[in-house]
Amino acid sequence: MIDIKSGWIYGFIGIAIFSGSLPATRVAVAEFDPVFLTFARATIAGVLAVALVVFLSQKRPEPRDLASLFIVAFGVVVGFPLLTALALTQITSAHSIVFIGILPLATAIFGVIRADDRPRPAFWLFSVAGSALVAGFALTQDLTASWTGDILMFAAIVVCGLGYAEGAKLSRKLGGWQVISWALVLSLPVMAPLAIYTSPATLTGISQPAWISLAYVSLFSMLIGFVFWYRGLAQGGIAGVGQLQLLQPFMGLILAATMLGEEVSWPMAAVSVAVVACVAGAKNFTQAPQVSQSALKDGSTSR
């Protein structure tokens, strides 16, 4: 039997982990080239993923699953990390975080297209309202922001929504951590050589915060967070649990203020608080997903 409540709990844990991604990326790109950072984090996570699937004797994905795994890799292993890293060379993490408010809507739309999610009509009212609050704030509050950074962030949201929905659909069959692990494994033969090729001439002088940030985005943002996130989406529903992403700006802004010393204005906080109400409303108008029994077995979905 599917435990919808557990799906929301897993999803919340995943979002809490992801909320540190943009602030950590902001710190890392101050000293690492954003292209190298993208390839390095995927390589580190990919090596760990290989160890996981080998050590736990996981069965290889079926050929018919490979297309979905490549879509996941394109969206969340390469696309989102690269585009956000490039964007964060142009804008602050506080400004970039508000774009995450659009991600639930993108995830829900791709959930309908790719995973046959069918939330009730009222759900879309709350989802659109939450996204509109965040998008409106992004367009009106920071007139000094770089349009290049904004465009990159918007592109990142689109490819990430696709990767989330595709991965959640496949997680119903394979299990959450297996999906991200196999996506990383498939990416590794490309990511590792590119990481070496784009690596800086010397790593001396790189500060400890930059190394810690690289470790965070490699271990937590690229792997551990997805263990919880994909399982939450699979159990609780892509469209519904996906609305938890509206909380990510609120969490991320707190981190940006406390860890990076970035200014967080009262309108930023007000928008973040307002979207909490949208999450609560959307939760009441989602439907339970169909999850295969094999994906719910302990061997498939346990950490």
Protein backbone atom coordinates (compact mmCIF):
# COMPACT_ATOMS: atom_id res chain seq x y z
CA MET A 1 0.00 0.00 0.00
CA ILE A 2 1.29 3.45 -0.93
CA ASP A 3 1.97 5.76 2.02
CA ILE A 4 1.23 9.27 0.71
CA LYS A 5 2.32 10.84 4.00
CA SER A 6 5.71 9.15 3.73
CA GLY A 7 6.02 10.48 0.20
CA TRP A 8 5.61 14.04 1.45
CA ILE A 9 8.08 13.45 4.28
CA TYR A 10 10.71 12.05 1.92
CA GLY A 11 10.06 14.93 -0.45
CA PHE A 12 10.51 17.50 2.31
CA ILE A 13 13.84 15.98 3.34
CA GLY A 14 14.98 16.06 -0.27
CA ILE A 15 14.04 19.74 -0.63
CA ALA A 16 15.79 20.60 2.64
CA ILE A 17 18.96 19.07 1.19
CA PHE A 18 18.53 20.80 -2.17
CA SER A 19 18.00 24.19 -0.49
CA GLY A 20 21.73 24.41 0.13
CA SER A 21 22.64 23.74 -3.50
CA LEU A 22 22.50 27.28 -4.91
CA PRO A 23 24.29 28.95 -1.97
CA ALA A 24 26.98 26.25 -2.12
CA THR A 25 27.29 26.64 -5.88
CA ARG A 26 27.63 30.40 -5.45
CA VAL A 27 30.58 29.85 -3.10
CA ALA A 28 32.17 27.25 -5.37
CA VAL A 29 31.99 29.26 -8.62
CA ALA A 30 33.85 32.11 -6.94
CA GLU A 31 36.98 29.93 -7.17
CA PHE A 32 36.14 27.08 -9.57
CA ASP A 33 35.23 27.48 -13.22
CA PRO A 34 31.48 26.72 -13.51
CA VAL A 35 32.02 24.25 -16.34
CA PHE A 36 34.65 22.35 -14.36
CA LEU A 37 32.41 22.44 -11.29
CA THR A 38 29.58 20.79 -13.25
CA PHE A 39 31.75 17.98 -14.54
CA ALA A 40 33.59 17.50 -11.24
CA ARG A 41 30.46 17.17 -9.13
CA ALA A 42 28.96 14.66 -11.57
CA THR A 43 32.21 12.67 -11.60
CA ILE A 44 32.48 12.50 -7.82
CA ALA A 45 28.84 11.48 -7.46
CA GLY A 46 29.21 9.05 -10.37
CA VAL A 47 32.09 7.21 -8.73
CA LEU A 48 30.03 6.83 -5.56
CA ALA A 49 27.06 5.64 -7.62
CA VAL A 50 29.19 2.94 -9.25
CA ALA A 51 30.24 1.77 -5.79
CA LEU A 52 26.61 1.68 -4.67
CA VAL A 53 25.24 -0.38 -7.56
CA VAL A 54 28.20 -2.78 -7.44
CA PHE A 55 28.33 -3.19 -3.67
CA LEU A 56 24.56 -3.68 -3.42
CA SER A 57 24.51 -5.97 -6.49
CA GLN A 58 21.87 -3.99 -8.36
CA LYS A 59 20.43 -5.42 -11.55
CA ARG A 60 21.23 -3.42 -14.66
CA PRO A 61 18.39 -1.33 -16.10
CA GLU A 62 16.44 -2.84 -18.96
CA PRO A 63 17.16 -1.44 -22.45
CA ARG A 64 13.73 0.21 -22.52
CA ASP A 65 14.67 2.21 -19.41
CA LEU A 66 17.80 3.74 -20.93
CA ALA A 67 16.03 6.56 -22.75
CA SER A 68 14.43 7.73 -19.50
CA LEU A 69 17.76 7.49 -17.67
CA PHE A 70 19.44 9.62 -20.32
CA ILE A 71 16.67 12.22 -19.94
CA VAL A 72 17.28 12.23 -16.18
CA ALA A 73 21.01 12.63 -16.77
CA PHE A 74 20.44 15.47 -19.22
CA GLY A 75 18.12 17.29 -16.83
CA VAL A 76 19.63 16.89 -13.37
CA VAL A 77 23.19 15.62 -13.85
CA VAL A 78 24.30 18.03 -16.60
CA GLY A 79 21.65 20.62 -17.51
CA PHE A 80 20.56 22.08 -14.19
CA PRO A 81 24.02 22.07 -12.53
CA LEU A 82 25.73 23.64 -15.56
CA LEU A 83 23.09 26.29 -16.23
CA THR A 84 22.83 27.32 -12.57
CA ALA A 85 26.61 27.44 -12.19
CA LEU A 86 26.84 29.74 -15.21
CA ALA A 87 23.94 31.84 -13.93
CA LEU A 88 25.55 32.27 -10.53
CA THR A 89 28.53 33.97 -12.10
CA GLN A 90 26.06 36.72 -13.10
CA ILE A 91 23.57 36.90 -10.21
CA THR A 92 23.50 36.31 -6.46
CA SER A 93 22.28 33.07 -4.93
CA ALA A 94 19.46 35.00 -3.22
CA HIS A 95 18.22 36.24 -6.59
CA SER A 96 18.59 32.82 -8.26
CA ILE A 97 16.71 31.06 -5.48
CA VAL A 98 13.45 32.82 -6.27
CA PHE A 99 13.42 31.12 -9.68
CA ILE A 100 13.08 27.81 -7.86
CA GLY A 101 9.51 28.90 -7.20
CA ILE A 102 8.77 28.22 -10.88
CA LEU A 103 10.17 24.69 -10.67
CA PRO A 104 7.08 23.07 -9.09
CA LEU A 105 4.94 24.22 -12.00
CA ALA A 106 7.48 22.94 -14.52
CA THR A 107 7.68 19.62 -12.68
CA ALA A 108 3.88 19.31 -12.57
CA ILE A 109 3.54 20.05 -16.29
CA PHE A 110 6.16 17.45 -17.21
CA GLY A 111 4.51 15.06 -14.73
CA VAL A 112 1.32 15.30 -16.77
CA ILE A 113 3.17 14.96 -20.09
CA ARG A 114 5.64 12.24 -19.17
CA ALA A 115 4.09 10.39 -16.21
CA ASP A 116 0.33 10.73 -16.75
CA ASP A 117 -0.22 12.58 -13.48
CA ARG A 118 -3.75 13.93 -13.27
CA PRO A 119 -4.11 16.46 -10.43
CA ARG A 120 -7.50 18.05 -9.93
CA PRO A 121 -8.22 21.48 -11.52
CA ALA A 122 -7.97 23.34 -8.21
CA PHE A 123 -4.40 22.11 -7.88
CA TRP A 124 -3.36 24.21 -10.86
CA LEU A 125 -4.77 27.34 -9.25
CA PHE A 126 -2.49 26.95 -6.24
CA SER A 127 0.49 25.88 -8.35
CA VAL A 128 0.17 28.80 -10.77
CA ALA A 129 -0.44 31.23 -7.90
CA GLY A 130 2.72 30.13 -6.11
CA SER A 131 4.83 30.28 -9.26
CA ALA A 132 3.37 33.66 -10.22
CA LEU A 133 4.29 35.10 -6.83
CA VAL A 134 7.89 34.04 -7.23
CA ALA A 135 8.19 34.95 -10.91
CA GLY A 136 6.61 38.34 -10.32
CA PHE A 137 9.03 39.08 -7.52
CA ALA A 138 12.01 38.05 -9.65
CA LEU A 139 10.95 40.37 -12.46
CA THR A 140 10.21 43.44 -10.36
CA GLN A 141 12.37 43.49 -7.26
CA ASP A 142 15.94 43.26 -8.57
CA LEU A 143 16.24 45.58 -11.54
CA THR A 144 20.04 45.42 -11.40
CA ALA A 145 20.16 41.67 -11.97
CA SER A 146 21.71 40.26 -15.12
CA TRP A 147 19.25 39.25 -17.82
CA THR A 148 21.79 36.64 -18.91
CA GLY A 149 21.69 35.12 -15.43
CA ASP A 150 17.89 35.19 -15.42
CA ILE A 151 17.65 33.46 -18.80
CA LEU A 152 20.11 30.79 -17.70
CA MET A 153 18.12 30.19 -14.52
CA PHE A 154 14.88 29.90 -16.46
CA ALA A 155 16.45 27.34 -18.82
CA ALA A 156 17.77 25.46 -15.80
CA ILE A 157 14.25 25.27 -14.35
CA VAL A 158 12.83 23.80 -17.57
CA VAL A 159 15.41 21.01 -17.91
CA CYS A 160 15.27 20.28 -14.17
CA GLY A 161 11.49 19.93 -14.22
CA LEU A 162 11.84 17.42 -17.04
CA GLY A 163 14.53 15.49 -15.17
CA TYR A 164 12.48 15.43 -11.96
CA ALA A 165 9.32 14.16 -13.66
CA GLU A 166 11.13 11.57 -15.75
CA GLY A 167 13.12 10.31 -12.78
CA ALA A 168 10.02 10.10 -10.60
CA LYS A 169 8.18 8.10 -13.25
CA LEU A 170 11.04 5.64 -13.52
CA SER A 171 11.40 5.50 -9.72
CA ARG A 172 7.97 3.89 -9.53
CA LYS A 173 9.53 0.93 -11.29
CA LEU A 174 13.20 0.91 -10.23
CA GLY A 175 13.23 2.74 -6.91
CA GLY A 176 14.46 6.25 -6.13
CA TRP A 177 18.15 5.84 -5.42
CA GLN A 178 18.62 3.40 -8.27
CA VAL A 179 17.37 5.93 -10.81
CA ILE A 180 19.81 8.70 -9.87
CA SER A 181 22.62 6.17 -9.39
CA TRP A 182 22.20 4.67 -12.86
CA ALA A 183 21.85 8.12 -14.41
CA LEU A 184 25.17 9.09 -12.81
CA VAL A 185 26.79 5.82 -13.90
CA LEU A 186 25.70 6.37 -17.50
CA SER A 187 27.06 9.92 -17.38
CA LEU A 188 30.40 9.00 -15.84
CA PRO A 189 32.26 7.95 -19.06
CA VAL A 190 31.59 11.45 -20.42
CA MET A 191 31.78 13.50 -17.23
CA ALA A 192 35.09 12.11 -15.93
CA PRO A 193 37.19 12.92 -19.05
CA LEU A 194 35.57 16.36 -19.29
CA ALA A 195 36.34 17.03 -15.61
CA ILE A 196 39.99 16.19 -16.24
CA TYR A 197 40.09 18.26 -19.43
CA THR A 198 38.56 21.34 -17.81
CA SER A 199 40.39 21.06 -14.50
CA PRO A 200 42.42 24.14 -13.47
CA ALA A 201 46.17 24.16 -13.96
CA THR A 202 46.64 24.23 -10.22
CA LEU A 203 44.40 23.66 -7.23
CA THR A 204 46.63 25.51 -4.82
CA GLY A 205 45.03 28.52 -3.24
CA ILE A 206 41.50 27.10 -3.32
CA SER A 207 39.89 28.00 -0.01
CA GLN A 208 38.30 25.56 2.41
CA PRO A 209 34.77 26.95 1.88
CA ALA A 210 35.11 26.30 -1.86
CA TRP A 211 36.16 22.69 -1.26
CA ILE A 212 33.33 22.18 1.23
CA SER A 213 30.88 23.60 -1.29
CA LEU A 214 32.18 21.27 -4.00
CA ALA A 215 31.74 18.34 -1.61
CA TYR A 216 28.20 19.44 -0.76
CA VAL A 217 26.98 19.79 -4.34
CA SER A 218 28.67 16.50 -5.26
CA LEU A 219 27.42 14.35 -2.39
CA PHE A 220 24.19 15.95 -1.22
CA SER A 221 22.87 17.91 -4.20
CA MET A 222 23.82 15.32 -6.81
CA LEU A 223 23.17 12.05 -4.99
CA ILE A 224 21.86 11.96 -1.43
CA GLY A 225 19.12 14.53 -1.99
CA PHE A 226 17.75 12.51 -4.90
CA VAL A 227 17.51 9.38 -2.76
CA PHE A 228 14.78 11.13 -0.78
CA TRP A 229 13.38 13.33 -3.54
CA TYR A 230 12.68 10.67 -6.16
CA ARG A 231 11.17 8.34 -3.60
CA GLY A 232 8.97 11.16 -2.35
CA LEU A 233 7.80 12.03 -5.87
CA ALA A 234 7.13 8.39 -6.70
CA GLN A 235 5.08 7.72 -3.56
CA GLY A 236 3.32 11.03 -3.07
CA GLY A 237 2.79 12.06 -6.70
CA ILE A 238 4.96 14.17 -8.99
CA ALA A 239 2.64 17.18 -9.17
CA GLY A 240 1.70 17.17 -5.49
CA VAL A 241 5.04 16.52 -3.79
CA GLY A 242 6.67 18.69 -6.42
CA GLN A 243 4.93 21.70 -4.82
CA LEU A 244 7.30 21.32 -1.87
CA GLN A 245 9.84 23.02 -4.11
CA LEU A 246 7.97 26.24 -3.36
CA LEU A 247 9.51 26.00 0.13
CA GLN A 248 13.04 25.81 -1.25
CA PRO A 249 13.39 29.58 -1.79
CA PHE A 250 12.42 30.16 1.85
CA MET A 251 15.04 27.70 3.07
CA GLY A 252 17.63 28.88 0.58
CA LEU A 253 17.19 32.55 1.42
CA ILE A 254 17.84 31.78 5.08
CA LEU A 255 21.06 30.01 4.11
CA ALA A 256 22.09 32.82 1.76
CA ALA A 257 21.63 35.34 4.55
CA THR A 258 23.22 33.37 7.37
CA MET A 259 26.10 31.71 5.50
CA LEU A 260 26.92 34.15 2.69
CA GLY A 261 25.88 37.39 4.29
CA GLU A 262 23.69 38.26 1.30
CA GLU A 263 20.89 40.75 1.80
CA VAL A 264 17.41 39.27 2.04
CA SER A 265 14.77 41.97 1.76
CA TRP A 266 11.36 41.78 3.40
CA PRO A 267 9.62 41.31 0.01
CA MET A 268 11.79 38.22 -0.56
CA ALA A 269 10.71 36.80 2.78
CA ALA A 270 7.08 37.77 2.19
CA VAL A 271 6.97 35.96 -1.14
CA SER A 272 8.53 32.87 0.40
CA VAL A 273 5.98 32.82 3.23
CA ALA A 274 3.09 33.32 0.81
CA VAL A 275 4.02 30.29 -1.24
CA VAL A 276 3.80 28.08 1.85
CA ALA A 277 0.05 28.62 1.71
CA CYS A 278 0.07 27.59 -1.94
CA VAL A 279 1.87 24.35 -1.06
CA ALA A 280 -0.72 23.56 1.58
CA GLY A 281 -3.55 24.25 -0.85
CA ALA A 282 -2.04 22.22 -3.68
CA LYS A 283 -1.53 19.24 -1.36
CA ASN A 284 -5.28 18.90 -0.90
CA PHE A 285 -5.97 18.55 -4.61
CA THR A 286 -3.52 15.90 -5.79
CA GLN A 287 -4.16 12.26 -6.52
CA ALA A 288 -2.26 9.18 -5.41
CA PRO A 289 0.24 7.85 -7.95
CA GLN A 290 0.41 4.31 -9.25
CA VAL A 291 3.59 2.68 -7.98
CA SER A 292 4.72 -0.82 -8.88
CA GLN A 293 5.08 -3.25 -6.01
CA SER A 294 8.72 -3.97 -6.96
CA ALA A 295 9.61 -0.31 -6.46
CA LEU A 296 8.18 -0.40 -2.95
CA LYS A 297 10.17 -3.41 -1.78
CA ASP A 298 12.87 -2.76 0.75
CA GLY A 299 15.55 -3.83 -1.65
CA SER A 300 14.43 -1.28 -4.25
CA THR A 301 13.65 1.81 -2.30
CA SER A 302 15.65 1.61 0.85
CA ARG A 303 18.73 3.70 1.24
